[in-house]
Amino acid sequence: MQTTSFSLWSFCVLAFLFTSSCKTDQFEQIHNKKPIDVSGLVQDAEIEDAALLIVRLEDRQEWQAGGDRIEKRFIPASTSKIPHTLIAIDAGWVTGPEQVFQWDGVKRFSKNWNKNQSFAAAFQNSTVWIFQKVIGEAPRDELVSYLQAFNYGNAEIGDEAQQSKYWLEGPLAISAREQIDFLIDLVEEELPVKESAYQLSKKVMLEETGIPKGMLENEVGSSWTLFGKTGWGANLSDSADIGWYVGWVEKTNNDKIERFIFAFNMDMHNPNADLRKRKSIVRTALKRAGALPSDVN
């Protein structure tokens, strides 16, 4: 009996150690993958200084460009409309994406801003004055609590005079890596917001969806959906303007789903020429990573 008990005990210990070892190996395989260098894509676009990070959520494979800049914080500009949309809907500061805001008649930078429009349209048009109204009038303590719970950069909104512009002029700042971490929590729905806030916000953030050319919509196969937001931080000192593009791609191939989270920022010395490069560089990198089909423009 003693021998049998000992053998059973030994078997259990060995099984536990083997299982733990397998789990450790799996963890290391997932989290210790070597990043794939895609800096040539940035160089080919003739951008002097930029940071690009793509993470495939299922195995944490990374595609990188920009070195230490990936960890450097910048003002988020209109990419902040992603957390602000989630917050405003969850907190009830807006009734929902379809709430319409009446234009005050003041002509501003973009013609798309100079009209009545819904909260969803304000996201898609980057209509600054609507977000300034919603966020600028929000309860300060509640606003800070959300940003801190989201781990959104430094989560700083400044004083009362800065509350309607802290994402445009500072002090709010965030790095490409921090954008990725926040977006992963959003995609995996691990942020402290209601389910309805996720669903309504994701509809607003939807940018494009598609299937490979030649495939019918009802055919079983691959498809992809792109969610994203650009940002443009105007030059407030002697530095260059900052351009952003962040978001994620959900790719389905039969029963297999892959999620690719991306964040890109760049110095823009000539915005008229550089603005379009935000999306073109990222989309080329996403195709390189296999998130988007190679024949997508």
C-alpha atoms as a PDB file:
ATOM      1  CA  MET A   1       0.000   0.000   0.000  1.00  0.00           C
ATOM      2  CA  GLN A   2       2.814   2.369   0.840  1.00  0.00           C
ATOM      3  CA  THR A   3       4.466   1.697  -2.513  1.00  0.00           C
ATOM      4  CA  THR A   4       1.196   2.237  -4.373  1.00  0.00           C
ATOM      5  CA  SER A   5       0.510   5.497  -2.534  1.00  0.00           C
ATOM      6  CA  PHE A   6       4.004   6.711  -3.236  1.00  0.00           C
ATOM      7  CA  SER A   7       3.718   5.854  -6.911  1.00  0.00           C
ATOM      8  CA  LEU A   8       0.394   7.647  -7.180  1.00  0.00           C
ATOM      9  CA  TRP A   9       1.816  10.690  -5.427  1.00  0.00           C
ATOM     10  CA  SER A  10       4.896  10.659  -7.661  1.00  0.00           C
ATOM     11  CA  PHE A  11       2.757  10.371 -10.772  1.00  0.00           C
ATOM     12  CA  CYS A  12       0.612  13.349  -9.701  1.00  0.00           C
ATOM     13  CA  VAL A  13       3.672  15.475  -9.010  1.00  0.00           C
ATOM     14  CA  LEU A  14       5.251  14.586 -12.346  1.00  0.00           C
ATOM     15  CA  ALA A  15       1.982  15.305 -14.162  1.00  0.00           C
ATOM     16  CA  PHE A  16       1.704  18.684 -12.457  1.00  0.00           C
ATOM     17  CA  LEU A  17       5.305  19.567 -13.312  1.00  0.00           C
ATOM     18  CA  PHE A  18       4.806  18.477 -16.915  1.00  0.00           C
ATOM     19  CA  THR A  19       1.591  20.515 -17.259  1.00  0.00           C
ATOM     20  CA  SER A  20       3.231  23.564 -15.675  1.00  0.00           C
ATOM     21  CA  SER A  21       6.215  23.185 -17.986  1.00  0.00           C
ATOM     22  CA  CYS A  22       3.936  23.022 -21.039  1.00  0.00           C
ATOM     23  CA  LYS A  23       2.051  26.116 -19.931  1.00  0.00           C
ATOM     24  CA  THR A  24       5.354  27.936 -19.359  1.00  0.00           C
ATOM     25  CA  ASP A  25       6.603  26.903 -22.806  1.00  0.00           C
ATOM     26  CA  GLN A  26       3.336  28.068 -24.387  1.00  0.00           C
ATOM     27  CA  PHE A  27       3.546  31.403 -22.540  1.00  0.00           C
ATOM     28  CA  GLU A  28       7.130  31.907 -23.695  1.00  0.00           C
ATOM     29  CA  GLN A  29       6.228  30.986 -27.279  1.00  0.00           C
ATOM     30  CA  ILE A  30       3.393  33.519 -27.291  1.00  0.00           C
ATOM     31  CA  HIS A  31       5.086  36.383 -25.484  1.00  0.00           C
ATOM     32  CA  ASN A  32       8.722  36.017 -26.533  1.00  0.00           C
ATOM     33  CA  LYS A  33       8.316  36.123 -30.298  1.00  0.00           C
ATOM     34  CA  LYS A  34      10.926  38.182 -32.100  1.00  0.00           C
ATOM     35  CA  PRO A  35       9.461  41.387 -33.587  1.00  0.00           C
ATOM     36  CA  ILE A  36       9.454  41.621 -37.378  1.00  0.00           C
ATOM     37  CA  ASP A  37      11.167  44.757 -38.674  1.00  0.00           C
ATOM     38  CA  VAL A  38       9.078  46.766 -41.163  1.00  0.00           C
ATOM     39  CA  SER A  39      11.079  49.999 -40.974  1.00  0.00           C
ATOM     40  CA  GLY A  40      11.711  49.801 -44.713  1.00  0.00           C
ATOM     41  CA  LEU A  41       8.060  50.666 -45.335  1.00  0.00           C
ATOM     42  CA  VAL A  42       8.492  53.950 -43.489  1.00  0.00           C
ATOM     43  CA  GLN A  43      11.745  54.702 -45.262  1.00  0.00           C
ATOM     44  CA  ASP A  44      10.168  53.989 -48.649  1.00  0.00           C
ATOM     45  CA  ALA A  45       7.494  56.598 -47.833  1.00  0.00           C
ATOM     46  CA  GLU A  46      10.271  59.144 -47.200  1.00  0.00           C
ATOM     47  CA  ILE A  47       9.265  59.760 -43.584  1.00  0.00           C
ATOM     48  CA  GLU A  48      12.118  60.897 -41.376  1.00  0.00           C
ATOM     49  CA  ASP A  49      10.741  59.980 -37.967  1.00  0.00           C
ATOM     50  CA  ALA A  50       7.843  57.647 -37.187  1.00  0.00           C
ATOM     51  CA  ALA A  51       6.752  54.757 -34.990  1.00  0.00           C
ATOM     52  CA  LEU A  52       4.707  51.789 -36.162  1.00  0.00           C
ATOM     53  CA  LEU A  53       3.568  48.865 -34.062  1.00  0.00           C
ATOM     54  CA  ILE A  54       1.259  46.029 -35.121  1.00  0.00           C
ATOM     55  CA  VAL A  55       0.378  43.208 -32.734  1.00  0.00           C
ATOM     56  CA  ARG A  56      -1.422  40.022 -33.753  1.00  0.00           C
ATOM     57  CA  LEU A  57      -3.504  39.397 -30.686  1.00  0.00           C
ATOM     58  CA  GLU A  58      -3.706  35.609 -30.927  1.00  0.00           C
ATOM     59  CA  ASP A  59       0.047  34.988 -30.579  1.00  0.00           C
ATOM     60  CA  ARG A  60       1.418  38.474 -29.756  1.00  0.00           C
ATOM     61  CA  GLN A  61       3.566  38.531 -32.895  1.00  0.00           C
ATOM     62  CA  GLU A  62       4.735  42.124 -33.475  1.00  0.00           C
ATOM     63  CA  TRP A  63       5.688  44.122 -36.542  1.00  0.00           C
ATOM     64  CA  GLN A  64       7.724  47.209 -35.641  1.00  0.00           C
ATOM     65  CA  ALA A  65       9.358  50.337 -36.984  1.00  0.00           C
ATOM     66  CA  GLY A  66      10.739  53.320 -35.138  1.00  0.00           C
ATOM     67  CA  GLY A  67      12.741  51.797 -32.288  1.00  0.00           C
ATOM     68  CA  ASP A  68      12.531  53.796 -29.053  1.00  0.00           C
ATOM     69  CA  ARG A  69       9.918  56.136 -30.542  1.00  0.00           C
ATOM     70  CA  ILE A  70       7.337  53.365 -30.016  1.00  0.00           C
ATOM     71  CA  GLU A  71       7.519  54.183 -26.293  1.00  0.00           C
ATOM     72  CA  LYS A  72       7.555  57.997 -26.728  1.00  0.00           C
ATOM     73  CA  ARG A  73       4.414  59.939 -25.827  1.00  0.00           C
ATOM     74  CA  PHE A  74       2.706  62.504 -28.039  1.00  0.00           C
ATOM     75  CA  ILE A  75      -0.621  64.298 -27.876  1.00  0.00           C
ATOM     76  CA  PRO A  76      -3.246  61.868 -29.212  1.00  0.00           C
ATOM     77  CA  ALA A  77      -5.217  64.487 -31.192  1.00  0.00           C
ATOM     78  CA  SER A  78      -8.314  62.934 -32.785  1.00  0.00           C
ATOM     79  CA  THR A  79      -7.322  59.346 -31.948  1.00  0.00           C
ATOM     80  CA  SER A  80      -8.630  60.302 -28.495  1.00  0.00           C
ATOM     81  CA  LYS A  81     -12.107  60.190 -30.024  1.00  0.00           C
ATOM     82  CA  ILE A  82     -11.949  56.416 -29.520  1.00  0.00           C
ATOM     83  CA  PRO A  83     -11.821  56.544 -25.699  1.00  0.00           C
ATOM     84  CA  HIS A  84     -13.949  59.712 -25.619  1.00  0.00           C
ATOM     85  CA  THR A  85     -16.694  57.981 -27.624  1.00  0.00           C
ATOM     86  CA  LEU A  86     -16.704  54.981 -25.295  1.00  0.00           C
ATOM     87  CA  ILE A  87     -16.762  57.235 -22.239  1.00  0.00           C
ATOM     88  CA  ALA A  88     -19.458  59.608 -23.505  1.00  0.00           C
ATOM     89  CA  ILE A  89     -21.806  56.752 -24.431  1.00  0.00           C
ATOM     90  CA  ASP A  90     -21.141  54.729 -21.275  1.00  0.00           C
ATOM     91  CA  ALA A  91     -21.513  57.741 -18.960  1.00  0.00           C
ATOM     92  CA  GLY A  92     -24.618  58.991 -20.738  1.00  0.00           C
ATOM     93  CA  TRP A  93     -23.109  62.328 -21.747  1.00  0.00           C
ATOM     94  CA  VAL A  94     -24.627  61.650 -25.164  1.00  0.00           C
ATOM     95  CA  THR A  95     -27.813  59.696 -25.795  1.00  0.00           C
ATOM     96  CA  GLY A  96     -26.015  57.604 -28.397  1.00  0.00           C
ATOM     97  CA  PRO A  97     -24.292  57.729 -31.798  1.00  0.00           C
ATOM     98  CA  GLU A  98     -27.383  59.175 -33.472  1.00  0.00           C
ATOM     99  CA  GLN A  99     -27.690  62.236 -31.219  1.00  0.00           C
ATOM    100  CA  VAL A 100     -27.629  65.311 -33.462  1.00  0.00           C
ATOM    101  CA  PHE A 101     -25.704  68.466 -32.616  1.00  0.00           C
ATOM    102  CA  GLN A 102     -26.817  71.778 -34.072  1.00  0.00           C
ATOM    103  CA  TRP A 103     -24.108  73.768 -35.818  1.00  0.00           C
ATOM    104  CA  ASP A 104     -23.651  77.199 -34.239  1.00  0.00           C
ATOM    105  CA  GLY A 105     -22.983  78.909 -37.585  1.00  0.00           C
ATOM    106  CA  VAL A 106     -19.299  79.517 -36.898  1.00  0.00           C
ATOM    107  CA  LYS A 107     -17.212  78.509 -39.915  1.00  0.00           C
ATOM    108  CA  ARG A 108     -14.282  76.356 -38.887  1.00  0.00           C
ATOM    109  CA  PHE A 109     -11.302  74.575 -40.428  1.00  0.00           C
ATOM    110  CA  SER A 110     -13.163  71.842 -42.329  1.00  0.00           C
ATOM    111  CA  LYS A 111     -16.363  72.203 -44.351  1.00  0.00           C
ATOM    112  CA  ASN A 112     -17.489  68.852 -42.904  1.00  0.00           C
ATOM    113  CA  TRP A 113     -17.599  70.517 -39.481  1.00  0.00           C
ATOM    114  CA  ASN A 114     -19.845  73.372 -40.606  1.00  0.00           C
ATOM    115  CA  LYS A 115     -23.210  71.642 -40.459  1.00  0.00           C
ATOM    116  CA  ASN A 116     -25.581  69.813 -38.139  1.00  0.00           C
ATOM    117  CA  GLN A 117     -24.388  66.260 -37.564  1.00  0.00           C
ATOM    118  CA  SER A 118     -24.719  63.217 -35.357  1.00  0.00           C
ATOM    119  CA  PHE A 119     -22.206  62.112 -32.760  1.00  0.00           C
ATOM    120  CA  ALA A 120     -21.254  59.220 -35.061  1.00  0.00           C
ATOM    121  CA  ALA A 121     -20.615  61.634 -37.937  1.00  0.00           C
ATOM    122  CA  ALA A 122     -18.544  63.813 -35.599  1.00  0.00           C
ATOM    123  CA  PHE A 123     -16.267  60.817 -35.008  1.00  0.00           C
ATOM    124  CA  GLN A 124     -15.921  60.083 -38.703  1.00  0.00           C
ATOM    125  CA  ASN A 125     -15.445  63.760 -39.648  1.00  0.00           C
ATOM    126  CA  SER A 126     -13.171  64.486 -36.664  1.00  0.00           C
ATOM    127  CA  THR A 127     -15.514  67.356 -35.807  1.00  0.00           C
ATOM    128  CA  VAL A 128     -13.573  68.995 -33.005  1.00  0.00           C
ATOM    129  CA  TRP A 129     -16.244  71.414 -31.750  1.00  0.00           C
ATOM    130  CA  ILE A 130     -18.709  68.630 -30.957  1.00  0.00           C
ATOM    131  CA  PHE A 131     -16.202  66.687 -28.891  1.00  0.00           C
ATOM    132  CA  GLN A 132     -15.098  69.914 -27.233  1.00  0.00           C
ATOM    133  CA  LYS A 133     -18.700  70.501 -26.203  1.00  0.00           C
ATOM    134  CA  VAL A 134     -19.308  66.969 -24.908  1.00  0.00           C
ATOM    135  CA  ILE A 135     -15.960  66.465 -23.169  1.00  0.00           C
ATOM    136  CA  GLY A 136     -15.517  70.101 -22.135  1.00  0.00           C
ATOM    137  CA  GLU A 137     -18.796  70.026 -20.202  1.00  0.00           C
ATOM    138  CA  ALA A 138     -18.232  66.594 -18.616  1.00  0.00           C
ATOM    139  CA  PRO A 139     -17.734  66.150 -14.844  1.00  0.00           C
ATOM    140  CA  ARG A 140     -13.981  66.451 -14.345  1.00  0.00           C
ATOM    141  CA  ASP A 141     -13.558  63.764 -11.689  1.00  0.00           C
ATOM    142  CA  GLU A 142     -15.576  61.271 -13.693  1.00  0.00           C
ATOM    143  CA  LEU A 143     -13.615  62.035 -16.855  1.00  0.00           C
ATOM    144  CA  VAL A 144     -10.256  61.518 -15.140  1.00  0.00           C
ATOM    145  CA  SER A 145     -11.495  58.303 -13.514  1.00  0.00           C
ATOM    146  CA  TYR A 146     -12.391  56.865 -16.915  1.00  0.00           C
ATOM    147  CA  LEU A 147      -9.054  57.784 -18.496  1.00  0.00           C
ATOM    148  CA  GLN A 148      -7.132  56.336 -15.559  1.00  0.00           C
ATOM    149  CA  ALA A 149      -9.195  53.145 -15.612  1.00  0.00           C
ATOM    150  CA  PHE A 150      -8.464  52.881 -19.339  1.00  0.00           C
ATOM    151  CA  ASN A 151      -4.706  53.364 -18.668  1.00  0.00           C
ATOM    152  CA  TYR A 152      -4.865  55.860 -21.486  1.00  0.00           C
ATOM    153  CA  GLY A 153      -1.368  57.386 -21.625  1.00  0.00           C
ATOM    154  CA  ASN A 154      -0.720  59.748 -18.744  1.00  0.00           C
ATOM    155  CA  ALA A 155      -4.507  60.294 -18.285  1.00  0.00           C
ATOM    156  CA  GLU A 156      -3.961  64.016 -17.609  1.00  0.00           C
ATOM    157  CA  ILE A 157      -6.569  66.619 -18.579  1.00  0.00           C
ATOM    158  CA  GLY A 158      -5.019  69.739 -17.031  1.00  0.00           C
ATOM    159  CA  ASP A 159      -7.020  72.541 -15.425  1.00  0.00           C
ATOM    160  CA  GLU A 160     -10.567  73.663 -16.225  1.00  0.00           C
ATOM    161  CA  ALA A 161      -9.363  75.946 -19.038  1.00  0.00           C
ATOM    162  CA  GLN A 162      -7.690  72.935 -20.701  1.00  0.00           C
ATOM    163  CA  GLN A 163     -10.610  70.513 -20.441  1.00  0.00           C
ATOM    164  CA  SER A 164     -11.859  71.252 -23.952  1.00  0.00           C
ATOM    165  CA  LYS A 165      -8.435  70.934 -25.581  1.00  0.00           C
ATOM    166  CA  TYR A 166      -6.173  68.712 -23.440  1.00  0.00           C
ATOM    167  CA  TRP A 167      -6.024  66.067 -26.196  1.00  0.00           C
ATOM    168  CA  LEU A 168      -5.076  68.704 -28.806  1.00  0.00           C
ATOM    169  CA  GLU A 169      -2.557  70.780 -26.857  1.00  0.00           C
ATOM    170  CA  GLY A 170      -1.733  68.612 -23.847  1.00  0.00           C
ATOM    171  CA  PRO A 171      -1.207  67.660 -21.142  1.00  0.00           C
ATOM    172  CA  LEU A 172      -2.736  64.360 -22.348  1.00  0.00           C
ATOM    173  CA  ALA A 173      -0.058  62.284 -24.055  1.00  0.00           C
ATOM    174  CA  ILE A 174       0.228  58.672 -25.144  1.00  0.00           C
ATOM    175  CA  SER A 175       2.728  56.421 -26.906  1.00  0.00           C
ATOM    176  CA  ALA A 176       2.164  53.964 -29.734  1.00  0.00           C
ATOM    177  CA  ARG A 177       2.706  51.107 -27.275  1.00  0.00           C
ATOM    178  CA  GLU A 178       0.114  52.552 -24.903  1.00  0.00           C
ATOM    179  CA  GLN A 179      -2.347  52.988 -27.756  1.00  0.00           C
ATOM    180  CA  ILE A 180      -1.913  49.277 -28.525  1.00  0.00           C
ATOM    181  CA  ASP A 181      -2.452  48.261 -24.888  1.00  0.00           C
ATOM    182  CA  PHE A 182      -5.620  50.356 -24.682  1.00  0.00           C
ATOM    183  CA  LEU A 183      -6.973  49.001 -27.972  1.00  0.00           C
ATOM    184  CA  ILE A 184      -6.319  45.415 -26.893  1.00  0.00           C
ATOM    185  CA  ASP A 185      -8.461  46.017 -23.807  1.00  0.00           C
ATOM    186  CA  LEU A 186     -11.134  47.541 -26.038  1.00  0.00           C
ATOM    187  CA  VAL A 187     -11.120  44.660 -28.525  1.00  0.00           C
ATOM    188  CA  GLU A 188     -11.183  42.068 -25.737  1.00  0.00           C
ATOM    189  CA  GLU A 189     -13.842  44.132 -23.910  1.00  0.00           C
ATOM    190  CA  GLU A 190     -11.873  44.405 -20.690  1.00  0.00           C
ATOM    191  CA  LEU A 191     -12.543  48.104 -20.104  1.00  0.00           C
ATOM    192  CA  PRO A 192     -14.923  49.200 -17.311  1.00  0.00           C
ATOM    193  CA  VAL A 193     -17.845  50.094 -19.599  1.00  0.00           C
ATOM    194  CA  LYS A 194     -21.208  48.529 -20.338  1.00  0.00           C
ATOM    195  CA  GLU A 195     -21.668  46.025 -23.159  1.00  0.00           C
ATOM    196  CA  SER A 196     -23.921  48.490 -24.950  1.00  0.00           C
ATOM    197  CA  ALA A 197     -21.119  51.069 -24.959  1.00  0.00           C
ATOM    198  CA  TYR A 198     -18.835  48.603 -26.740  1.00  0.00           C
ATOM    199  CA  GLN A 199     -21.391  47.696 -29.353  1.00  0.00           C
ATOM    200  CA  LEU A 200     -22.487  51.248 -30.132  1.00  0.00           C
ATOM    201  CA  SER A 201     -18.924  52.591 -30.179  1.00  0.00           C
ATOM    202  CA  LYS A 202     -17.580  49.877 -32.458  1.00  0.00           C
ATOM    203  CA  LYS A 203     -20.256  50.707 -35.019  1.00  0.00           C
ATOM    204  CA  VAL A 204     -19.010  54.296 -35.001  1.00  0.00           C
ATOM    205  CA  MET A 205     -15.376  53.198 -35.362  1.00  0.00           C
ATOM    206  CA  LEU A 206     -16.033  50.866 -38.303  1.00  0.00           C
ATOM    207  CA  GLU A 207     -14.040  52.119 -41.267  1.00  0.00           C
ATOM    208  CA  GLU A 208     -14.109  49.397 -43.891  1.00  0.00           C
ATOM    209  CA  THR A 209     -15.044  45.783 -44.452  1.00  0.00           C
ATOM    210  CA  GLY A 210     -14.448  43.459 -47.339  1.00  0.00           C
ATOM    211  CA  ILE A 211     -14.030  40.015 -48.841  1.00  0.00           C
ATOM    212  CA  PRO A 212     -11.456  38.822 -51.389  1.00  0.00           C
ATOM    213  CA  LYS A 213     -12.204  39.718 -54.983  1.00  0.00           C
ATOM    214  CA  GLY A 214     -14.278  37.092 -56.775  1.00  0.00           C
ATOM    215  CA  MET A 215     -15.866  35.730 -53.596  1.00  0.00           C
ATOM    216  CA  LEU A 216     -19.579  36.062 -52.929  1.00  0.00           C
ATOM    217  CA  GLU A 217     -20.722  37.525 -49.615  1.00  0.00           C
ATOM    218  CA  ASN A 218     -22.516  34.342 -48.579  1.00  0.00           C
ATOM    219  CA  GLU A 219     -19.576  32.067 -49.387  1.00  0.00           C
ATOM    220  CA  VAL A 220     -17.632  30.531 -46.513  1.00  0.00           C
ATOM    221  CA  GLY A 221     -14.108  31.891 -46.613  1.00  0.00           C
ATOM    222  CA  SER A 222     -12.066  34.868 -45.542  1.00  0.00           C
ATOM    223  CA  SER A 223     -13.232  38.378 -44.772  1.00  0.00           C
ATOM    224  CA  TRP A 224     -11.863  41.368 -42.916  1.00  0.00           C
ATOM    225  CA  THR A 225     -13.135  44.379 -41.020  1.00  0.00           C
ATOM    226  CA  LEU A 226     -11.097  47.494 -40.280  1.00  0.00           C
ATOM    227  CA  PHE A 227     -11.777  49.816 -37.350  1.00  0.00           C
ATOM    228  CA  GLY A 228      -9.678  52.964 -37.022  1.00  0.00           C
ATOM    229  CA  LYS A 229      -9.152  56.630 -36.356  1.00  0.00           C
ATOM    230  CA  THR A 230      -6.642  59.128 -37.683  1.00  0.00           C
ATOM    231  CA  GLY A 231      -5.268  62.079 -35.765  1.00  0.00           C
ATOM    232  CA  TRP A 232      -3.466  65.306 -36.573  1.00  0.00           C
ATOM    233  CA  GLY A 233      -1.723  67.270 -33.848  1.00  0.00           C
ATOM    234  CA  ALA A 234      -0.904  70.758 -35.076  1.00  0.00           C
ATOM    235  CA  ASN A 235       2.512  72.273 -34.421  1.00  0.00           C
ATOM    236  CA  LEU A 236       2.381  74.184 -31.123  1.00  0.00           C
ATOM    237  CA  SER A 237       6.103  74.940 -30.884  1.00  0.00           C
ATOM    238  CA  ASP A 238       9.121  74.497 -33.116  1.00  0.00           C
ATOM    239  CA  SER A 239       8.480  70.784 -33.595  1.00  0.00           C
ATOM    240  CA  ALA A 240       6.736  69.099 -36.502  1.00  0.00           C
ATOM    241  CA  ASP A 241       3.018  68.323 -36.607  1.00  0.00           C
ATOM    242  CA  ILE A 242       2.128  64.839 -35.352  1.00  0.00           C
ATOM    243  CA  GLY A 243       0.150  62.432 -37.507  1.00  0.00           C
ATOM    244  CA  TRP A 244      -1.592  59.353 -36.059  1.00  0.00           C
ATOM    245  CA  TYR A 245      -3.488  56.319 -37.294  1.00  0.00           C
ATOM    246  CA  VAL A 246      -4.639  53.666 -34.815  1.00  0.00           C
ATOM    247  CA  GLY A 247      -7.141  50.822 -34.808  1.00  0.00           C
ATOM    248  CA  TRP A 248      -7.492  47.128 -35.485  1.00  0.00           C
ATOM    249  CA  VAL A 249      -8.389  44.580 -38.146  1.00  0.00           C
ATOM    250  CA  GLU A 250     -10.549  41.524 -37.516  1.00  0.00           C
ATOM    251  CA  LYS A 251      -9.731  38.848 -40.087  1.00  0.00           C
ATOM    252  CA  THR A 252     -11.874  35.726 -40.502  1.00  0.00           C
ATOM    253  CA  ASN A 253     -10.748  32.708 -42.471  1.00  0.00           C
ATOM    254  CA  ASN A 254     -13.436  30.028 -42.299  1.00  0.00           C
ATOM    255  CA  ASP A 255     -13.664  29.383 -38.522  1.00  0.00           C
ATOM    256  CA  LYS A 256     -10.351  31.031 -37.647  1.00  0.00           C
ATOM    257  CA  ILE A 257     -10.329  34.628 -36.350  1.00  0.00           C
ATOM    258  CA  GLU A 258      -7.245  36.820 -36.076  1.00  0.00           C
ATOM    259  CA  ARG A 259      -7.111  40.356 -34.650  1.00  0.00           C
ATOM    260  CA  PHE A 260      -4.339  42.768 -35.656  1.00  0.00           C
ATOM    261  CA  ILE A 261      -3.999  45.881 -33.456  1.00  0.00           C
ATOM    262  CA  PHE A 262      -2.053  48.816 -34.918  1.00  0.00           C
ATOM    263  CA  ALA A 263      -0.733  52.199 -33.884  1.00  0.00           C
ATOM    264  CA  PHE A 264       1.284  54.588 -36.030  1.00  0.00           C
ATOM    265  CA  ASN A 265       2.579  58.102 -35.441  1.00  0.00           C
ATOM    266  CA  MET A 266       4.851  60.283 -37.526  1.00  0.00           C
ATOM    267  CA  ASP A 267       6.387  63.734 -37.724  1.00  0.00           C
ATOM    268  CA  MET A 268       4.705  65.763 -40.450  1.00  0.00           C
ATOM    269  CA  HIS A 269       6.850  68.617 -41.727  1.00  0.00           C
ATOM    270  CA  ASN A 270       4.636  69.044 -44.782  1.00  0.00           C
ATOM    271  CA  PRO A 271       1.090  68.063 -43.743  1.00  0.00           C
ATOM    272  CA  ASN A 272      -0.386  68.597 -47.211  1.00  0.00           C
ATOM    273  CA  ALA A 273       1.857  65.832 -48.525  1.00  0.00           C
ATOM    274  CA  ASP A 274       2.207  63.737 -45.372  1.00  0.00           C
ATOM    275  CA  LEU A 275      -1.390  63.351 -44.185  1.00  0.00           C
ATOM    276  CA  ARG A 276      -2.259  60.679 -46.750  1.00  0.00           C
ATOM    277  CA  LYS A 277       0.838  58.682 -45.767  1.00  0.00           C
ATOM    278  CA  ARG A 278      -0.614  57.828 -42.363  1.00  0.00           C
ATOM    279  CA  LYS A 279      -3.057  55.318 -43.798  1.00  0.00           C
ATOM    280  CA  SER A 280      -0.988  54.209 -46.781  1.00  0.00           C
ATOM    281  CA  ILE A 281       1.985  53.165 -44.632  1.00  0.00           C
ATOM    282  CA  VAL A 282      -0.195  51.296 -42.147  1.00  0.00           C
ATOM    283  CA  ARG A 283      -2.249  49.537 -44.819  1.00  0.00           C
ATOM    284  CA  THR A 284       0.930  48.393 -46.568  1.00  0.00           C
ATOM    285  CA  ALA A 285       2.224  47.056 -43.262  1.00  0.00           C
ATOM    286  CA  LEU A 286      -1.085  45.309 -42.527  1.00  0.00           C
ATOM    287  CA  LYS A 287      -0.872  43.593 -45.909  1.00  0.00           C
ATOM    288  CA  ARG A 288       2.694  42.567 -45.100  1.00  0.00           C
ATOM    289  CA  ALA A 289       1.444  41.104 -41.820  1.00  0.00           C
ATOM    290  CA  GLY A 290      -1.366  39.219 -43.572  1.00  0.00           C
ATOM    291  CA  ALA A 291      -4.164  41.224 -41.966  1.00  0.00           C
ATOM    292  CA  LEU A 292      -5.417  42.639 -45.270  1.00  0.00           C
ATOM    293  CA  PRO A 293      -5.458  41.015 -48.724  1.00  0.00           C
ATOM    294  CA  SER A 294      -2.575  42.034 -50.977  1.00  0.00           C
ATOM    295  CA  ASP A 295      -4.952  43.337 -53.657  1.00  0.00           C
ATOM    296  CA  VAL A 296      -6.691  45.865 -51.363  1.00  0.00           C
ATOM    297  CA  ASN A 297      -5.877  49.498 -52.165  1.00  0.00           C
END
